[in-house]
Amino acid sequence: MKKTGATVLLLIISLVFAAGRQGQAQQPFCIFTVDPRLLYFESEGGIDEVTVTPSGPECIFEPRTAYYWIKPSLTEELGRKVVRIEVAAAPNLAQRVGAVMVGTTQIEIVQKASDHFSW
């Protein structure tokens, strides 16, 4: 009897879960190819661009970063998606490394150290 009770309970849980997901839209599986995946900047900072190729037209994204000194933005040029990356000037003698995420793909950012302190 315990097996039957457990089976019925499992069936009820499955039905409730399936009913809850019925109205939700399925998210497409997307892969984002970026070129280049590594950018180098001088200590003065600057702007560079990365071309992004999504695996399908339904794959949308917004570039994001957790680094205050990196500012990514998305543009479209001649039908291709481009992430424009702006890096602020380095304030001290340490090299810094950060990242921009496009979907689950990471673009690594490396900036040379400044040759003087900025107060």
C-alpha atoms as a PDB file:
ATOM      1  CA  MET A   1       0.000   0.000   0.000  1.00  0.00           C
ATOM      2  CA  LYS A   2       2.870   2.405   0.705  1.00  0.00           C
ATOM      3  CA  LYS A   3       4.130   2.094  -2.892  1.00  0.00           C
ATOM      4  CA  THR A   4       0.685   2.955  -4.256  1.00  0.00           C
ATOM      5  CA  GLY A   5       0.344   5.980  -1.961  1.00  0.00           C
ATOM      6  CA  ALA A   6       3.795   7.244  -2.918  1.00  0.00           C
ATOM      7  CA  THR A   7       3.016   6.709  -6.613  1.00  0.00           C
ATOM      8  CA  VAL A   8      -0.265   8.641  -6.343  1.00  0.00           C
ATOM      9  CA  LEU A   9       1.486  11.457  -4.465  1.00  0.00           C
ATOM     10  CA  LEU A  10       4.211  11.629  -7.127  1.00  0.00           C
ATOM     11  CA  LEU A  11       1.584  11.719  -9.866  1.00  0.00           C
ATOM     12  CA  ILE A  12      -0.271  14.575  -8.156  1.00  0.00           C
ATOM     13  CA  ILE A  13       2.943  16.576  -7.722  1.00  0.00           C
ATOM     14  CA  SER A  14       3.836  16.028 -11.392  1.00  0.00           C
ATOM     15  CA  LEU A  15       0.400  17.168 -12.567  1.00  0.00           C
ATOM     16  CA  VAL A  16       0.492  20.301 -10.400  1.00  0.00           C
ATOM     17  CA  PHE A  17       3.984  21.166 -11.675  1.00  0.00           C
ATOM     18  CA  ALA A  18       2.961  20.599 -15.314  1.00  0.00           C
ATOM     19  CA  ALA A  19      -0.186  22.709 -14.902  1.00  0.00           C
ATOM     20  CA  GLY A  20       1.834  25.546 -13.389  1.00  0.00           C
ATOM     21  CA  ARG A  21       4.253  25.573 -16.333  1.00  0.00           C
ATOM     22  CA  GLN A  22       1.600  25.293 -19.030  1.00  0.00           C
ATOM     23  CA  GLY A  23       1.140  29.047 -19.457  1.00  0.00           C
ATOM     24  CA  GLN A  24       4.859  29.856 -19.432  1.00  0.00           C
ATOM     25  CA  ALA A  25       6.740  30.463 -22.663  1.00  0.00           C
ATOM     26  CA  GLN A  26       9.750  28.269 -23.289  1.00  0.00           C
ATOM     27  CA  GLN A  27      13.044  30.126 -23.386  1.00  0.00           C
ATOM     28  CA  PRO A  28      15.176  29.263 -26.434  1.00  0.00           C
ATOM     29  CA  PHE A  29      18.574  27.665 -25.925  1.00  0.00           C
ATOM     30  CA  CYS A  30      21.023  30.291 -27.122  1.00  0.00           C
ATOM     31  CA  ILE A  31      24.741  30.339 -27.712  1.00  0.00           C
ATOM     32  CA  PHE A  32      26.529  33.648 -28.220  1.00  0.00           C
ATOM     33  CA  THR A  33      29.770  33.697 -30.167  1.00  0.00           C
ATOM     34  CA  VAL A  34      31.901  36.768 -29.464  1.00  0.00           C
ATOM     35  CA  ASP A  35      34.934  37.996 -31.376  1.00  0.00           C
ATOM     36  CA  PRO A  36      37.308  38.855 -29.835  1.00  0.00           C
ATOM     37  CA  ARG A  37      36.852  37.314 -26.361  1.00  0.00           C
ATOM     38  CA  LEU A  38      39.769  39.230 -24.832  1.00  0.00           C
ATOM     39  CA  LEU A  39      40.372  42.982 -24.990  1.00  0.00           C
ATOM     40  CA  TYR A  40      43.449  44.917 -23.847  1.00  0.00           C
ATOM     41  CA  PHE A  41      43.334  48.589 -22.890  1.00  0.00           C
ATOM     42  CA  GLU A  42      46.053  51.102 -22.097  1.00  0.00           C
ATOM     43  CA  SER A  43      45.988  52.788 -18.681  1.00  0.00           C
ATOM     44  CA  GLU A  44      44.263  55.835 -20.229  1.00  0.00           C
ATOM     45  CA  GLY A  45      41.189  53.695 -20.934  1.00  0.00           C
ATOM     46  CA  GLY A  46      39.304  53.829 -24.190  1.00  0.00           C
ATOM     47  CA  ILE A  47      36.622  52.229 -26.323  1.00  0.00           C
ATOM     48  CA  ASP A  48      36.658  48.972 -28.283  1.00  0.00           C
ATOM     49  CA  GLU A  49      34.028  46.777 -29.932  1.00  0.00           C
ATOM     50  CA  VAL A  50      33.174  43.083 -29.941  1.00  0.00           C
ATOM     51  CA  THR A  51      31.031  41.398 -32.601  1.00  0.00           C
ATOM     52  CA  VAL A  52      28.342  39.084 -31.183  1.00  0.00           C
ATOM     53  CA  THR A  53      26.727  36.319 -33.221  1.00  0.00           C
ATOM     54  CA  PRO A  54      23.691  34.709 -31.534  1.00  0.00           C
ATOM     55  CA  SER A  55      22.762  31.122 -32.442  1.00  0.00           C
ATOM     56  CA  GLY A  56      19.314  32.249 -33.595  1.00  0.00           C
ATOM     57  CA  PRO A  57      17.173  35.328 -34.244  1.00  0.00           C
ATOM     58  CA  GLU A  58      15.100  34.638 -31.108  1.00  0.00           C
ATOM     59  CA  CYS A  59      18.218  34.973 -28.922  1.00  0.00           C
ATOM     60  CA  ILE A  60      18.181  38.394 -27.327  1.00  0.00           C
ATOM     61  CA  PHE A  61      20.693  39.693 -24.804  1.00  0.00           C
ATOM     62  CA  GLU A  62      21.877  42.741 -22.939  1.00  0.00           C
ATOM     63  CA  PRO A  63      25.609  43.003 -22.137  1.00  0.00           C
ATOM     64  CA  ARG A  64      26.264  43.344 -18.416  1.00  0.00           C
ATOM     65  CA  THR A  65      29.162  43.786 -16.019  1.00  0.00           C
ATOM     66  CA  ALA A  66      29.762  44.068 -12.290  1.00  0.00           C
ATOM     67  CA  TYR A  67      32.816  46.336 -12.734  1.00  0.00           C
ATOM     68  CA  TYR A  68      32.265  50.060 -12.180  1.00  0.00           C
ATOM     69  CA  TRP A  69      35.084  51.024 -14.561  1.00  0.00           C
ATOM     70  CA  ILE A  70      33.638  49.115 -17.541  1.00  0.00           C
ATOM     71  CA  LYS A  71      30.580  50.403 -19.426  1.00  0.00           C
ATOM     72  CA  PRO A  72      29.152  48.052 -22.103  1.00  0.00           C
ATOM     73  CA  SER A  73      26.431  48.997 -24.562  1.00  0.00           C
ATOM     74  CA  LEU A  74      24.715  47.142 -27.397  1.00  0.00           C
ATOM     75  CA  THR A  75      24.457  48.541 -30.922  1.00  0.00           C
ATOM     76  CA  GLU A  76      23.623  47.129 -34.317  1.00  0.00           C
ATOM     77  CA  GLU A  77      25.741  48.017 -37.327  1.00  0.00           C
ATOM     78  CA  LEU A  78      24.842  46.831 -40.825  1.00  0.00           C
ATOM     79  CA  GLY A  79      22.754  43.981 -39.425  1.00  0.00           C
ATOM     80  CA  ARG A  80      25.410  42.700 -37.012  1.00  0.00           C
ATOM     81  CA  LYS A  81      25.244  42.994 -33.237  1.00  0.00           C
ATOM     82  CA  VAL A  82      28.129  44.873 -31.648  1.00  0.00           C
ATOM     83  CA  VAL A  83      28.957  45.319 -27.969  1.00  0.00           C
ATOM     84  CA  ARG A  84      30.761  48.590 -27.447  1.00  0.00           C
ATOM     85  CA  ILE A  85      32.971  48.528 -24.354  1.00  0.00           C
ATOM     86  CA  GLU A  86      34.163  51.729 -22.717  1.00  0.00           C
ATOM     87  CA  VAL A  87      36.895  51.479 -20.065  1.00  0.00           C
ATOM     88  CA  ALA A  88      37.719  54.339 -17.666  1.00  0.00           C
ATOM     89  CA  ALA A  89      41.295  55.462 -17.023  1.00  0.00           C
ATOM     90  CA  ALA A  90      43.220  53.402 -14.461  1.00  0.00           C
ATOM     91  CA  PRO A  91      43.635  55.384 -11.215  1.00  0.00           C
ATOM     92  CA  ASN A  92      46.708  53.637  -9.788  1.00  0.00           C
ATOM     93  CA  LEU A  93      49.748  51.451 -10.351  1.00  0.00           C
ATOM     94  CA  ALA A  94      47.880  48.120 -10.468  1.00  0.00           C
ATOM     95  CA  GLN A  95      46.772  46.288 -13.600  1.00  0.00           C
ATOM     96  CA  ARG A  96      43.080  45.480 -13.492  1.00  0.00           C
ATOM     97  CA  VAL A  97      41.055  42.671 -14.975  1.00  0.00           C
ATOM     98  CA  GLY A  98      37.290  42.627 -15.467  1.00  0.00           C
ATOM     99  CA  ALA A  99      34.626  41.058 -17.639  1.00  0.00           C
ATOM    100  CA  VAL A 100      31.490  41.706 -19.659  1.00  0.00           C
ATOM    101  CA  MET A 101      28.887  38.956 -19.957  1.00  0.00           C
ATOM    102  CA  VAL A 102      26.883  38.307 -23.116  1.00  0.00           C
ATOM    103  CA  GLY A 103      24.385  35.605 -22.187  1.00  0.00           C
ATOM    104  CA  THR A 104      26.663  33.015 -20.567  1.00  0.00           C
ATOM    105  CA  THR A 105      29.686  34.007 -22.682  1.00  0.00           C
ATOM    106  CA  GLN A 106      32.394  36.099 -21.031  1.00  0.00           C
ATOM    107  CA  ILE A 107      34.482  38.817 -22.642  1.00  0.00           C
ATOM    108  CA  GLU A 108      37.632  39.382 -20.591  1.00  0.00           C
ATOM    109  CA  ILE A 109      38.940  42.927 -20.156  1.00  0.00           C
ATOM    110  CA  VAL A 110      42.588  43.593 -19.186  1.00  0.00           C
ATOM    111  CA  GLN A 111      43.831  47.123 -18.515  1.00  0.00           C
ATOM    112  CA  LYS A 112      47.465  48.130 -18.039  1.00  0.00           C
ATOM    113  CA  ALA A 113      48.481  49.804 -14.813  1.00  0.00           C
ATOM    114  CA  SER A 114      48.860  53.558 -14.696  1.00  0.00           C
ATOM    115  CA  ASP A 115      52.412  54.858 -14.349  1.00  0.00           C
ATOM    116  CA  HIS A 116      51.326  57.391 -11.706  1.00  0.00           C
ATOM    117  CA  PHE A 117      48.791  57.808  -8.917  1.00  0.00           C
ATOM    118  CA  SER A 118      45.648  59.778  -9.608  1.00  0.00           C
ATOM    119  CA  TRP A 119      44.347  61.762  -6.620  1.00  0.00           C
END
